[in-house]
Amino acid sequence: VCENLTYLKIRSFAAPTCDSLASLIQSQRGLRKLLLWELNLHDISCLIEAIGSQAHSIREIELFQCSFELCESFEGLACCHHLNSLSIIQCDYLTSNLLESLANTHFPYMEKLELKYFNYSLTDLNPEDIPSEQVKNIIKNCSDNLQHLYTNLKLDDYFNIIETISTHCTLITSLELNMQRAEQIHELLPILESCQKLEKLIIQPIQPIGFFPVYYHISNDQIRWFASKLPSSVRHLEIRYWTIFARDLEDILSICGRSLYYIAWGFSDIKVEGDEKYFSQVIAEYCKKESRKIKKIGTPQFFCDFNDGHKNKGTVYVEF
């Protein structure tokens, strides 16, 4: 009956059957956007295969919280050469074999690529099944017109992903990356040097879903190094899980603040002693010195970490 849908979202179905939903996809005359959400209880191979029937028209695909344990191939997805946007988020059984067809496909029109929380609920995935090489090839094959790349895959598991991005994605304007610990900060150097059109940069670790977020401390030397390497094109900076002090924020604003219009950072147990300052004082002094005005300021995240000495932790953001 419905053959002229341009937008279709399928979410956590018990009925109708997978076959009937696949038939619904195949019957469309010009589907442009498809979302598959929370499909983790059934074999959805037929849905993935059915996507190929819309290869001529489909421009945006999002896979969220799906399990591909019973899926043998992404060939149906790999047929969609005209994609502008592809998001694969919190999905399980994304193995090297499953992603091989995507890794061998060129997507010349891709503008947005989002690869996050791969195999999130699996603890026993064999090292050879981690799709490290496939992910790097997917990024390469999407790089012609790629503007927005969001990935939080672990640098320890996805070797040389930084080098792949810095070599093939020099024109991106938005980037999200994973950093699990402070000593990885210097691994960002190739991207900071190569991606000179970057306007939005988000750096954060994989967060435990449903639990308190993970913060980690960045030293003043590391902060100063990072700020000095940040491309002058960056307008939006999110380091919301780096716990820093007021003097660190002062250094960031002194080195690269003039180009920033939004910055978010983390804190842990703010205690002001002696000649130390509050974040608010640093921001006020900076705005007065540079004749800038604050549009918004807030603390969207605040909690007491009982696992770390009952410290108060959270995030602060400022928009100029």
C-alpha atoms as a PDB file:
ATOM      1  CA  VAL A   1       0.000   0.000   0.000  1.00  0.00           C
ATOM      2  CA  CYS A   2       2.740   2.482   1.016  1.00  0.00           C
ATOM      3  CA  GLU A   3       5.039   2.600  -1.997  1.00  0.00           C
ATOM      4  CA  ASN A   4       6.042   6.268  -1.979  1.00  0.00           C
ATOM      5  CA  LEU A   5       7.752   6.576   1.394  1.00  0.00           C
ATOM      6  CA  THR A   6      10.873   8.735   1.473  1.00  0.00           C
ATOM      7  CA  TYR A   7      11.557   8.230   5.204  1.00  0.00           C
ATOM      8  CA  LEU A   8      11.245   4.909   7.039  1.00  0.00           C
ATOM      9  CA  LYS A   9      12.136   4.036  10.628  1.00  0.00           C
ATOM     10  CA  ILE A  10      11.912   0.439  11.869  1.00  0.00           C
ATOM     11  CA  ARG A  11      12.314  -0.006  15.606  1.00  0.00           C
ATOM     12  CA  SER A  12      12.449  -3.078  17.871  1.00  0.00           C
ATOM     13  CA  PHE A  13       9.811  -5.202  16.205  1.00  0.00           C
ATOM     14  CA  ALA A  14       8.178  -8.402  17.424  1.00  0.00           C
ATOM     15  CA  ALA A  15       5.662  -8.491  14.573  1.00  0.00           C
ATOM     16  CA  PRO A  16       5.333  -8.259  11.633  1.00  0.00           C
ATOM     17  CA  THR A  17       8.074 -10.609  10.535  1.00  0.00           C
ATOM     18  CA  CYS A  18      11.448  -9.579   9.161  1.00  0.00           C
ATOM     19  CA  ASP A  19      10.406 -10.822   5.714  1.00  0.00           C
ATOM     20  CA  SER A  20       7.373  -8.552   5.585  1.00  0.00           C
ATOM     21  CA  LEU A  21       9.466  -5.548   6.628  1.00  0.00           C
ATOM     22  CA  ALA A  22      12.008  -6.421   3.957  1.00  0.00           C
ATOM     23  CA  SER A  23       9.167  -6.491   1.433  1.00  0.00           C
ATOM     24  CA  LEU A  24       8.080  -3.051   2.639  1.00  0.00           C
ATOM     25  CA  ILE A  25      11.565  -1.683   1.963  1.00  0.00           C
ATOM     26  CA  GLN A  26      11.763  -3.342  -1.448  1.00  0.00           C
ATOM     27  CA  SER A  27       8.367  -2.000  -2.513  1.00  0.00           C
ATOM     28  CA  GLN A  28       9.405   1.640  -2.196  1.00  0.00           C
ATOM     29  CA  ARG A  29       9.870   3.706  -5.341  1.00  0.00           C
ATOM     30  CA  GLY A  30      12.301   6.252  -3.937  1.00  0.00           C
ATOM     31  CA  LEU A  31      13.286   5.741  -0.293  1.00  0.00           C
ATOM     32  CA  ARG A  32      15.799   8.391   0.787  1.00  0.00           C
ATOM     33  CA  LYS A  33      16.256   7.876   4.528  1.00  0.00           C
ATOM     34  CA  LEU A  34      16.202   4.594   6.480  1.00  0.00           C
ATOM     35  CA  LEU A  35      16.647   4.113  10.230  1.00  0.00           C
ATOM     36  CA  LEU A  36      16.959   0.658  11.807  1.00  0.00           C
ATOM     37  CA  TRP A  37      16.815   0.950  15.601  1.00  0.00           C
ATOM     38  CA  GLU A  38      17.149  -1.612  18.403  1.00  0.00           C
ATOM     39  CA  LEU A  39      16.876  -4.660  16.169  1.00  0.00           C
ATOM     40  CA  ASN A  40      18.767  -7.085  18.376  1.00  0.00           C
ATOM     41  CA  LEU A  41      16.371  -9.993  18.897  1.00  0.00           C
ATOM     42  CA  HIS A  42      16.013 -11.308  15.355  1.00  0.00           C
ATOM     43  CA  ASP A  43      17.987 -12.243  12.270  1.00  0.00           C
ATOM     44  CA  ILE A  44      17.834  -9.035  10.233  1.00  0.00           C
ATOM     45  CA  SER A  45      19.863 -10.296   7.270  1.00  0.00           C
ATOM     46  CA  CYS A  46      16.867  -9.902   4.975  1.00  0.00           C
ATOM     47  CA  LEU A  47      16.498  -6.236   5.975  1.00  0.00           C
ATOM     48  CA  ILE A  48      20.136  -5.494   5.170  1.00  0.00           C
ATOM     49  CA  GLU A  49      19.785  -7.292   1.846  1.00  0.00           C
ATOM     50  CA  ALA A  50      16.580  -5.371   1.068  1.00  0.00           C
ATOM     51  CA  ILE A  51      18.378  -2.033   1.444  1.00  0.00           C
ATOM     52  CA  GLY A  52      20.132  -2.738  -1.850  1.00  0.00           C
ATOM     53  CA  SER A  53      16.811  -2.399  -3.689  1.00  0.00           C
ATOM     54  CA  GLN A  54      16.855   1.329  -2.845  1.00  0.00           C
ATOM     55  CA  ALA A  55      20.458   1.929  -3.881  1.00  0.00           C
ATOM     56  CA  HIS A  56      19.473   4.411  -6.605  1.00  0.00           C
ATOM     57  CA  SER A  57      17.585   6.746  -4.249  1.00  0.00           C
ATOM     58  CA  ILE A  58      18.684   6.250  -0.661  1.00  0.00           C
ATOM     59  CA  ARG A  59      20.908   8.976   0.788  1.00  0.00           C
ATOM     60  CA  GLU A  60      20.924   8.411   4.546  1.00  0.00           C
ATOM     61  CA  ILE A  61      21.145   5.216   6.615  1.00  0.00           C
ATOM     62  CA  GLU A  62      21.331   4.893  10.397  1.00  0.00           C
ATOM     63  CA  LEU A  63      21.861   1.610  12.258  1.00  0.00           C
ATOM     64  CA  PHE A  64      21.405   2.000  16.021  1.00  0.00           C
ATOM     65  CA  GLN A  65      21.607  -0.748  18.668  1.00  0.00           C
ATOM     66  CA  CYS A  66      21.309  -3.570  16.162  1.00  0.00           C
ATOM     67  CA  SER A  67      22.825  -7.037  16.503  1.00  0.00           C
ATOM     68  CA  PHE A  68      24.345  -8.644  13.422  1.00  0.00           C
ATOM     69  CA  GLU A  69      25.191 -11.994  15.011  1.00  0.00           C
ATOM     70  CA  LEU A  70      23.191 -13.863  12.357  1.00  0.00           C
ATOM     71  CA  CYS A  71      24.041 -11.532   9.496  1.00  0.00           C
ATOM     72  CA  GLU A  72      26.634 -12.803   7.033  1.00  0.00           C
ATOM     73  CA  SER A  73      27.097  -9.820   4.748  1.00  0.00           C
ATOM     74  CA  PHE A  74      26.594  -6.066   4.346  1.00  0.00           C
ATOM     75  CA  GLU A  75      26.305  -6.411   0.569  1.00  0.00           C
ATOM     76  CA  GLY A  76      22.883  -4.743   0.564  1.00  0.00           C
ATOM     77  CA  LEU A  77      24.363  -1.722   2.290  1.00  0.00           C
ATOM     78  CA  ALA A  78      27.467  -1.721   0.114  1.00  0.00           C
ATOM     79  CA  CYS A  79      25.286  -1.280  -2.995  1.00  0.00           C
ATOM     80  CA  CYS A  80      24.282   2.215  -1.895  1.00  0.00           C
ATOM     81  CA  HIS A  81      27.026   4.214  -3.613  1.00  0.00           C
ATOM     82  CA  HIS A  82      25.040   7.469  -3.480  1.00  0.00           C
ATOM     83  CA  LEU A  83      24.916   7.714   0.313  1.00  0.00           C
ATOM     84  CA  ASN A  84      25.456  11.146   1.861  1.00  0.00           C
ATOM     85  CA  SER A  85      25.279   9.949   5.467  1.00  0.00           C
ATOM     86  CA  LEU A  86      25.990   6.633   7.211  1.00  0.00           C
ATOM     87  CA  SER A  87      25.710   6.097  10.979  1.00  0.00           C
ATOM     88  CA  ILE A  88      26.491   2.810  12.743  1.00  0.00           C
ATOM     89  CA  ILE A  89      26.104   3.259  16.500  1.00  0.00           C
ATOM     90  CA  GLN A  90      26.060   0.813  19.460  1.00  0.00           C
ATOM     91  CA  CYS A  91      25.780  -2.240  17.230  1.00  0.00           C
ATOM     92  CA  ASP A  92      27.101  -5.708  18.067  1.00  0.00           C
ATOM     93  CA  TYR A  93      28.888  -8.368  15.996  1.00  0.00           C
ATOM     94  CA  LEU A  94      30.435  -5.836  13.653  1.00  0.00           C
ATOM     95  CA  THR A  95      33.253  -8.166  12.705  1.00  0.00           C
ATOM     96  CA  SER A  96      36.009  -7.860  10.145  1.00  0.00           C
ATOM     97  CA  ASN A  97      34.223 -10.345   7.871  1.00  0.00           C
ATOM     98  CA  LEU A  98      30.891  -8.548   8.085  1.00  0.00           C
ATOM     99  CA  LEU A  99      32.367  -5.143   7.232  1.00  0.00           C
ATOM    100  CA  GLU A 100      34.569  -6.428   4.402  1.00  0.00           C
ATOM    101  CA  SER A 101      32.053  -5.535   1.670  1.00  0.00           C
ATOM    102  CA  LEU A 102      31.737  -1.968   3.005  1.00  0.00           C
ATOM    103  CA  ALA A 103      35.511  -1.707   3.224  1.00  0.00           C
ATOM    104  CA  ASN A 104      35.765  -2.513  -0.487  1.00  0.00           C
ATOM    105  CA  THR A 105      33.134   0.003  -1.612  1.00  0.00           C
ATOM    106  CA  HIS A 106      33.730   3.560  -2.783  1.00  0.00           C
ATOM    107  CA  PHE A 107      31.261   6.168  -1.482  1.00  0.00           C
ATOM    108  CA  PRO A 108      32.093   9.323  -3.468  1.00  0.00           C
ATOM    109  CA  TYR A 109      29.178  11.384  -2.136  1.00  0.00           C
ATOM    110  CA  MET A 110      29.537  10.656   1.582  1.00  0.00           C
ATOM    111  CA  GLU A 111      29.445  13.831   3.679  1.00  0.00           C
ATOM    112  CA  LYS A 112      28.826  12.425   7.168  1.00  0.00           C
ATOM    113  CA  LEU A 113      30.220   9.194   8.627  1.00  0.00           C
ATOM    114  CA  GLU A 114      29.481   8.094  12.186  1.00  0.00           C
ATOM    115  CA  LEU A 115      31.112   4.918  13.573  1.00  0.00           C
ATOM    116  CA  LYS A 116      30.615   4.673  17.341  1.00  0.00           C
ATOM    117  CA  TYR A 117      30.416   2.102  20.146  1.00  0.00           C
ATOM    118  CA  PHE A 118      31.222  -0.927  17.992  1.00  0.00           C
ATOM    119  CA  ASN A 119      30.557  -4.287  19.700  1.00  0.00           C
ATOM    120  CA  TYR A 120      29.763  -2.429  22.893  1.00  0.00           C
ATOM    121  CA  SER A 121      28.153  -5.282  24.850  1.00  0.00           C
ATOM    122  CA  LEU A 122      30.627  -7.977  23.736  1.00  0.00           C
ATOM    123  CA  THR A 123      33.501  -8.969  26.012  1.00  0.00           C
ATOM    124  CA  ASP A 124      34.716 -12.058  24.175  1.00  0.00           C
ATOM    125  CA  LEU A 125      35.324 -10.772  20.643  1.00  0.00           C
ATOM    126  CA  ASN A 126      38.446 -12.373  19.193  1.00  0.00           C
ATOM    127  CA  PRO A 127      41.210  -9.905  18.255  1.00  0.00           C
ATOM    128  CA  GLU A 128      41.101 -11.064  14.629  1.00  0.00           C
ATOM    129  CA  ASP A 129      37.391 -10.190  14.508  1.00  0.00           C
ATOM    130  CA  ILE A 130      37.949  -6.539  15.452  1.00  0.00           C
ATOM    131  CA  PRO A 131      37.386  -4.683  12.147  1.00  0.00           C
ATOM    132  CA  SER A 132      40.387  -2.392  12.461  1.00  0.00           C
ATOM    133  CA  GLU A 133      41.549  -2.587   8.834  1.00  0.00           C
ATOM    134  CA  GLN A 134      37.987  -2.504   7.534  1.00  0.00           C
ATOM    135  CA  VAL A 135      37.169   0.687   9.438  1.00  0.00           C
ATOM    136  CA  LYS A 136      40.273   2.397   8.076  1.00  0.00           C
ATOM    137  CA  ASN A 137      39.331   1.382   4.536  1.00  0.00           C
ATOM    138  CA  ILE A 138      35.769   2.608   5.018  1.00  0.00           C
ATOM    139  CA  ILE A 139      37.115   5.997   6.097  1.00  0.00           C
ATOM    140  CA  LYS A 140      39.414   6.101   3.063  1.00  0.00           C
ATOM    141  CA  ASN A 141      36.589   5.162   0.700  1.00  0.00           C
ATOM    142  CA  CYS A 142      34.337   7.901   2.098  1.00  0.00           C
ATOM    143  CA  SER A 143      36.929  10.659   2.087  1.00  0.00           C
ATOM    144  CA  ASP A 144      36.237  12.350  -1.283  1.00  0.00           C
ATOM    145  CA  ASN A 145      33.607  14.749   0.070  1.00  0.00           C
ATOM    146  CA  LEU A 146      33.587  13.855   3.761  1.00  0.00           C
ATOM    147  CA  GLN A 147      32.842  16.848   5.996  1.00  0.00           C
ATOM    148  CA  HIS A 148      31.786  15.271   9.293  1.00  0.00           C
ATOM    149  CA  LEU A 149      33.471  12.250  10.898  1.00  0.00           C
ATOM    150  CA  TYR A 150      32.374  11.016  14.315  1.00  0.00           C
ATOM    151  CA  THR A 151      34.067   7.982  15.823  1.00  0.00           C
ATOM    152  CA  ASN A 152      34.906   6.910  19.366  1.00  0.00           C
ATOM    153  CA  LEU A 153      36.599   3.626  18.507  1.00  0.00           C
ATOM    154  CA  LYS A 154      39.517   2.843  20.803  1.00  0.00           C
ATOM    155  CA  LEU A 155      42.939   3.820  19.506  1.00  0.00           C
ATOM    156  CA  ASP A 156      44.361   0.675  21.136  1.00  0.00           C
ATOM    157  CA  ASP A 157      42.094  -1.585  19.054  1.00  0.00           C
ATOM    158  CA  TYR A 158      41.850   0.397  15.831  1.00  0.00           C
ATOM    159  CA  PHE A 159      45.523   0.890  15.071  1.00  0.00           C
ATOM    160  CA  ASN A 160      46.608   3.844  12.942  1.00  0.00           C
ATOM    161  CA  ILE A 161      43.109   5.280  12.647  1.00  0.00           C
ATOM    162  CA  ILE A 162      44.609   8.689  13.485  1.00  0.00           C
ATOM    163  CA  GLU A 163      47.071   8.397  10.604  1.00  0.00           C
ATOM    164  CA  THR A 164      44.291   7.296   8.241  1.00  0.00           C
ATOM    165  CA  ILE A 165      42.182  10.346   9.099  1.00  0.00           C
ATOM    166  CA  SER A 166      45.083  12.778   8.899  1.00  0.00           C
ATOM    167  CA  THR A 167      46.128  11.413   5.493  1.00  0.00           C
ATOM    168  CA  HIS A 168      42.775  11.002   3.761  1.00  0.00           C
ATOM    169  CA  CYS A 169      40.388  13.413   5.528  1.00  0.00           C
ATOM    170  CA  THR A 170      42.220  16.721   5.465  1.00  0.00           C
ATOM    171  CA  LEU A 171      39.099  18.657   4.409  1.00  0.00           C
ATOM    172  CA  ILE A 172      36.780  17.595   7.239  1.00  0.00           C
ATOM    173  CA  THR A 173      35.158  20.366   9.270  1.00  0.00           C
ATOM    174  CA  SER A 174      33.739  18.295  12.174  1.00  0.00           C
ATOM    175  CA  LEU A 175      35.569  15.506  13.997  1.00  0.00           C
ATOM    176  CA  GLU A 176      34.961  13.393  17.089  1.00  0.00           C
ATOM    177  CA  LEU A 177      37.717  11.143  18.428  1.00  0.00           C
ATOM    178  CA  ASN A 178      38.293   8.777  21.326  1.00  0.00           C
ATOM    179  CA  MET A 179      40.963   9.307  23.968  1.00  0.00           C
ATOM    180  CA  GLN A 180      40.958   6.797  26.814  1.00  0.00           C
ATOM    181  CA  ARG A 181      43.821   8.274  28.830  1.00  0.00           C
ATOM    182  CA  ALA A 182      45.857  11.449  29.107  1.00  0.00           C
ATOM    183  CA  GLU A 183      49.087  10.056  27.635  1.00  0.00           C
ATOM    184  CA  GLN A 184      47.346   9.523  24.294  1.00  0.00           C
ATOM    185  CA  ILE A 185      47.063  13.265  23.739  1.00  0.00           C
ATOM    186  CA  HIS A 186      50.258  13.431  21.663  1.00  0.00           C
ATOM    187  CA  GLU A 187      48.845  10.816  19.275  1.00  0.00           C
ATOM    188  CA  LEU A 188      46.502  13.551  18.028  1.00  0.00           C
ATOM    189  CA  LEU A 189      49.373  15.499  16.451  1.00  0.00           C
ATOM    190  CA  PRO A 190      48.967  14.211  12.845  1.00  0.00           C
ATOM    191  CA  ILE A 191      45.331  15.324  12.794  1.00  0.00           C
ATOM    192  CA  LEU A 192      46.043  18.685  14.418  1.00  0.00           C
ATOM    193  CA  GLU A 193      48.681  19.335  11.774  1.00  0.00           C
ATOM    194  CA  SER A 194      46.782  18.029   8.735  1.00  0.00           C
ATOM    195  CA  CYS A 195      43.125  18.975   9.259  1.00  0.00           C
ATOM    196  CA  GLN A 196      43.461  22.723   8.863  1.00  0.00           C
ATOM    197  CA  LYS A 197      39.805  23.287   7.934  1.00  0.00           C
ATOM    198  CA  LEU A 198      38.540  21.765  11.166  1.00  0.00           C
ATOM    199  CA  GLU A 199      35.829  23.871  12.823  1.00  0.00           C
ATOM    200  CA  LYS A 200      34.383  21.464  15.394  1.00  0.00           C
ATOM    201  CA  LEU A 201      36.521  19.088  17.480  1.00  0.00           C
ATOM    202  CA  ILE A 202      35.182  16.688  20.113  1.00  0.00           C
ATOM    203  CA  ILE A 203      37.536  14.491  22.141  1.00  0.00           C
ATOM    204  CA  GLN A 204      36.113  12.085  24.688  1.00  0.00           C
ATOM    205  CA  PRO A 205      36.469   8.506  25.943  1.00  0.00           C
ATOM    206  CA  ILE A 206      33.915   5.753  25.473  1.00  0.00           C
ATOM    207  CA  GLN A 207      31.423   6.251  28.274  1.00  0.00           C
ATOM    208  CA  PRO A 208      29.683   3.445  30.208  1.00  0.00           C
ATOM    209  CA  ILE A 209      26.050   3.702  29.147  1.00  0.00           C
ATOM    210  CA  GLY A 210      23.718   3.989  32.132  1.00  0.00           C
ATOM    211  CA  PHE A 211      26.528   4.759  34.603  1.00  0.00           C
ATOM    212  CA  PHE A 212      28.415   7.827  35.741  1.00  0.00           C
ATOM    213  CA  PRO A 213      30.769   9.143  33.045  1.00  0.00           C
ATOM    214  CA  VAL A 214      34.528   8.667  33.148  1.00  0.00           C
ATOM    215  CA  TYR A 215      36.749  11.732  33.585  1.00  0.00           C
ATOM    216  CA  TYR A 216      40.541  11.895  33.531  1.00  0.00           C
ATOM    217  CA  HIS A 217      43.024  14.597  34.431  1.00  0.00           C
ATOM    218  CA  ILE A 218      45.103  16.415  31.827  1.00  0.00           C
ATOM    219  CA  SER A 219      48.248  18.154  33.072  1.00  0.00           C
ATOM    220  CA  ASN A 220      49.022  21.805  32.420  1.00  0.00           C
ATOM    221  CA  ASP A 221      51.925  20.879  30.132  1.00  0.00           C
ATOM    222  CA  GLN A 222      49.621  18.656  28.097  1.00  0.00           C
ATOM    223  CA  ILE A 223      46.968  21.383  27.925  1.00  0.00           C
ATOM    224  CA  ARG A 224      49.463  23.993  26.737  1.00  0.00           C
ATOM    225  CA  TRP A 225      50.838  21.609  24.117  1.00  0.00           C
ATOM    226  CA  PHE A 226      47.355  20.783  22.845  1.00  0.00           C
ATOM    227  CA  ALA A 227      46.258  24.427  22.699  1.00  0.00           C
ATOM    228  CA  SER A 228      49.399  25.407  20.803  1.00  0.00           C
ATOM    229  CA  LYS A 229      48.751  22.709  18.163  1.00  0.00           C
ATOM    230  CA  LEU A 230      45.016  23.320  17.756  1.00  0.00           C
ATOM    231  CA  PRO A 231      44.218  24.564  14.222  1.00  0.00           C
ATOM    232  CA  SER A 232      43.193  28.221  14.179  1.00  0.00           C
ATOM    233  CA  SER A 233      40.089  27.209  12.224  1.00  0.00           C
ATOM    234  CA  VAL A 234      38.531  25.450  15.255  1.00  0.00           C
ATOM    235  CA  ARG A 235      35.484  27.333  16.559  1.00  0.00           C
ATOM    236  CA  HIS A 236      33.837  24.614  18.648  1.00  0.00           C
ATOM    237  CA  LEU A 237      35.931  22.583  21.132  1.00  0.00           C
ATOM    238  CA  GLU A 238      34.593  19.867  23.434  1.00  0.00           C
ATOM    239  CA  ILE A 239      37.021  18.344  25.911  1.00  0.00           C
ATOM    240  CA  ARG A 240      34.251  17.811  28.438  1.00  0.00           C
ATOM    241  CA  TYR A 241      35.812  14.765  30.099  1.00  0.00           C
ATOM    242  CA  TRP A 242      39.253  16.292  30.572  1.00  0.00           C
ATOM    243  CA  THR A 243      39.401  17.526  34.152  1.00  0.00           C
ATOM    244  CA  ILE A 244      41.363  20.756  34.214  1.00  0.00           C
ATOM    245  CA  PHE A 245      41.949  23.637  36.612  1.00  0.00           C
ATOM    246  CA  ALA A 246      41.222  27.327  36.193  1.00  0.00           C
ATOM    247  CA  ARG A 247      44.843  28.058  35.270  1.00  0.00           C
ATOM    248  CA  ASP A 248      44.570  25.470  32.477  1.00  0.00           C
ATOM    249  CA  LEU A 249      41.472  27.190  31.097  1.00  0.00           C
ATOM    250  CA  GLU A 250      43.358  30.471  31.342  1.00  0.00           C
ATOM    251  CA  ASP A 251      46.143  29.014  29.200  1.00  0.00           C
ATOM    252  CA  ILE A 252      43.702  27.638  26.611  1.00  0.00           C
ATOM    253  CA  LEU A 253      41.975  31.007  26.258  1.00  0.00           C
ATOM    254  CA  SER A 254      45.302  32.816  26.128  1.00  0.00           C
ATOM    255  CA  ILE A 255      46.705  30.589  23.376  1.00  0.00           C
ATOM    256  CA  CYS A 256      43.685  29.936  21.151  1.00  0.00           C
ATOM    257  CA  GLY A 257      40.657  31.511  22.798  1.00  0.00           C
ATOM    258  CA  ARG A 258      40.181  34.242  20.237  1.00  0.00           C
ATOM    259  CA  SER A 259      39.108  31.757  17.561  1.00  0.00           C
ATOM    260  CA  LEU A 260      36.779  29.786  19.863  1.00  0.00           C
ATOM    261  CA  TYR A 261      33.055  30.445  20.059  1.00  0.00           C
ATOM    262  CA  TYR A 262      32.218  27.380  22.153  1.00  0.00           C
ATOM    263  CA  ILE A 263      34.287  25.392  24.628  1.00  0.00           C
ATOM    264  CA  ALA A 264      33.294  22.638  27.081  1.00  0.00           C
ATOM    265  CA  TRP A 265      35.631  21.097  29.652  1.00  0.00           C
ATOM    266  CA  GLY A 266      35.537  18.911  32.762  1.00  0.00           C
ATOM    267  CA  PHE A 267      36.364  19.546  36.393  1.00  0.00           C
ATOM    268  CA  SER A 268      36.943  17.497  39.532  1.00  0.00           C
ATOM    269  CA  ASP A 269      36.508  18.843  43.072  1.00  0.00           C
ATOM    270  CA  ILE A 270      37.145  22.535  42.550  1.00  0.00           C
ATOM    271  CA  LYS A 271      39.004  23.962  45.538  1.00  0.00           C
ATOM    272  CA  VAL A 272      40.350  27.489  45.405  1.00  0.00           C
ATOM    273  CA  GLU A 273      43.258  28.274  47.694  1.00  0.00           C
ATOM    274  CA  GLY A 274      45.760  31.115  47.836  1.00  0.00           C
ATOM    275  CA  ASP A 275      45.991  32.971  44.536  1.00  0.00           C
ATOM    276  CA  GLU A 276      44.038  30.340  42.578  1.00  0.00           C
ATOM    277  CA  LYS A 277      40.954  31.398  40.635  1.00  0.00           C
ATOM    278  CA  TYR A 278      37.503  30.089  39.867  1.00  0.00           C
ATOM    279  CA  PHE A 279      36.585  29.264  36.268  1.00  0.00           C
ATOM    280  CA  SER A 280      34.089  32.134  36.324  1.00  0.00           C
ATOM    281  CA  GLN A 281      36.822  34.603  37.252  1.00  0.00           C
ATOM    282  CA  VAL A 282      39.066  33.390  34.426  1.00  0.00           C
ATOM    283  CA  ILE A 283      36.233  33.760  31.916  1.00  0.00           C
ATOM    284  CA  ALA A 284      35.272  37.213  33.187  1.00  0.00           C
ATOM    285  CA  GLU A 285      38.868  38.455  32.964  1.00  0.00           C
ATOM    286  CA  TYR A 286      39.267  36.996  29.482  1.00  0.00           C
ATOM    287  CA  CYS A 287      36.063  38.610  28.204  1.00  0.00           C
ATOM    288  CA  LYS A 288      37.080  41.976  29.616  1.00  0.00           C
ATOM    289  CA  LYS A 289      40.545  41.772  28.082  1.00  0.00           C
ATOM    290  CA  GLU A 290      39.345  40.622  24.643  1.00  0.00           C
ATOM    291  CA  SER A 291      36.075  42.622  24.603  1.00  0.00           C
ATOM    292  CA  ARG A 292      33.986  39.481  24.163  1.00  0.00           C
ATOM    293  CA  LYS A 293      30.510  38.721  25.463  1.00  0.00           C
ATOM    294  CA  ILE A 294      29.147  35.497  26.913  1.00  0.00           C
ATOM    295  CA  LYS A 295      26.017  34.166  25.210  1.00  0.00           C
ATOM    296  CA  LYS A 296      25.596  31.088  27.398  1.00  0.00           C
ATOM    297  CA  ILE A 297      27.396  29.444  30.302  1.00  0.00           C
ATOM    298  CA  GLY A 298      26.361  26.396  32.270  1.00  0.00           C
ATOM    299  CA  THR A 299      27.095  23.083  33.957  1.00  0.00           C
ATOM    300  CA  PRO A 300      25.056  20.441  32.108  1.00  0.00           C
ATOM    301  CA  GLN A 301      26.614  17.578  34.049  1.00  0.00           C
ATOM    302  CA  PHE A 302      27.388  17.394  37.767  1.00  0.00           C
ATOM    303  CA  PHE A 303      27.632  14.408  40.140  1.00  0.00           C
ATOM    304  CA  CYS A 304      29.456  13.010  43.155  1.00  0.00           C
ATOM    305  CA  ASP A 305      31.851  10.197  42.231  1.00  0.00           C
ATOM    306  CA  PHE A 306      31.667   7.683  45.093  1.00  0.00           C
ATOM    307  CA  ASN A 307      34.357   5.562  43.428  1.00  0.00           C
ATOM    308  CA  ASP A 308      36.871   8.412  43.542  1.00  0.00           C
ATOM    309  CA  GLY A 309      36.805   9.701  47.081  1.00  0.00           C
ATOM    310  CA  HIS A 310      33.354  11.296  46.779  1.00  0.00           C
ATOM    311  CA  LYS A 311      34.727  13.972  44.490  1.00  0.00           C
ATOM    312  CA  ASN A 312      32.373  16.331  42.727  1.00  0.00           C
ATOM    313  CA  LYS A 313      32.820  16.048  38.969  1.00  0.00           C
ATOM    314  CA  GLY A 314      31.128  17.609  36.010  1.00  0.00           C
ATOM    315  CA  THR A 315      31.270  19.626  32.825  1.00  0.00           C
ATOM    316  CA  VAL A 316      31.236  23.363  32.185  1.00  0.00           C
ATOM    317  CA  TYR A 317      30.578  25.045  28.849  1.00  0.00           C
ATOM    318  CA  VAL A 318      30.813  28.601  27.584  1.00  0.00           C
ATOM    319  CA  GLU A 319      29.460  30.033  24.359  1.00  0.00           C
ATOM    320  CA  PHE A 320      30.779  33.417  23.249  1.00  0.00           C
END
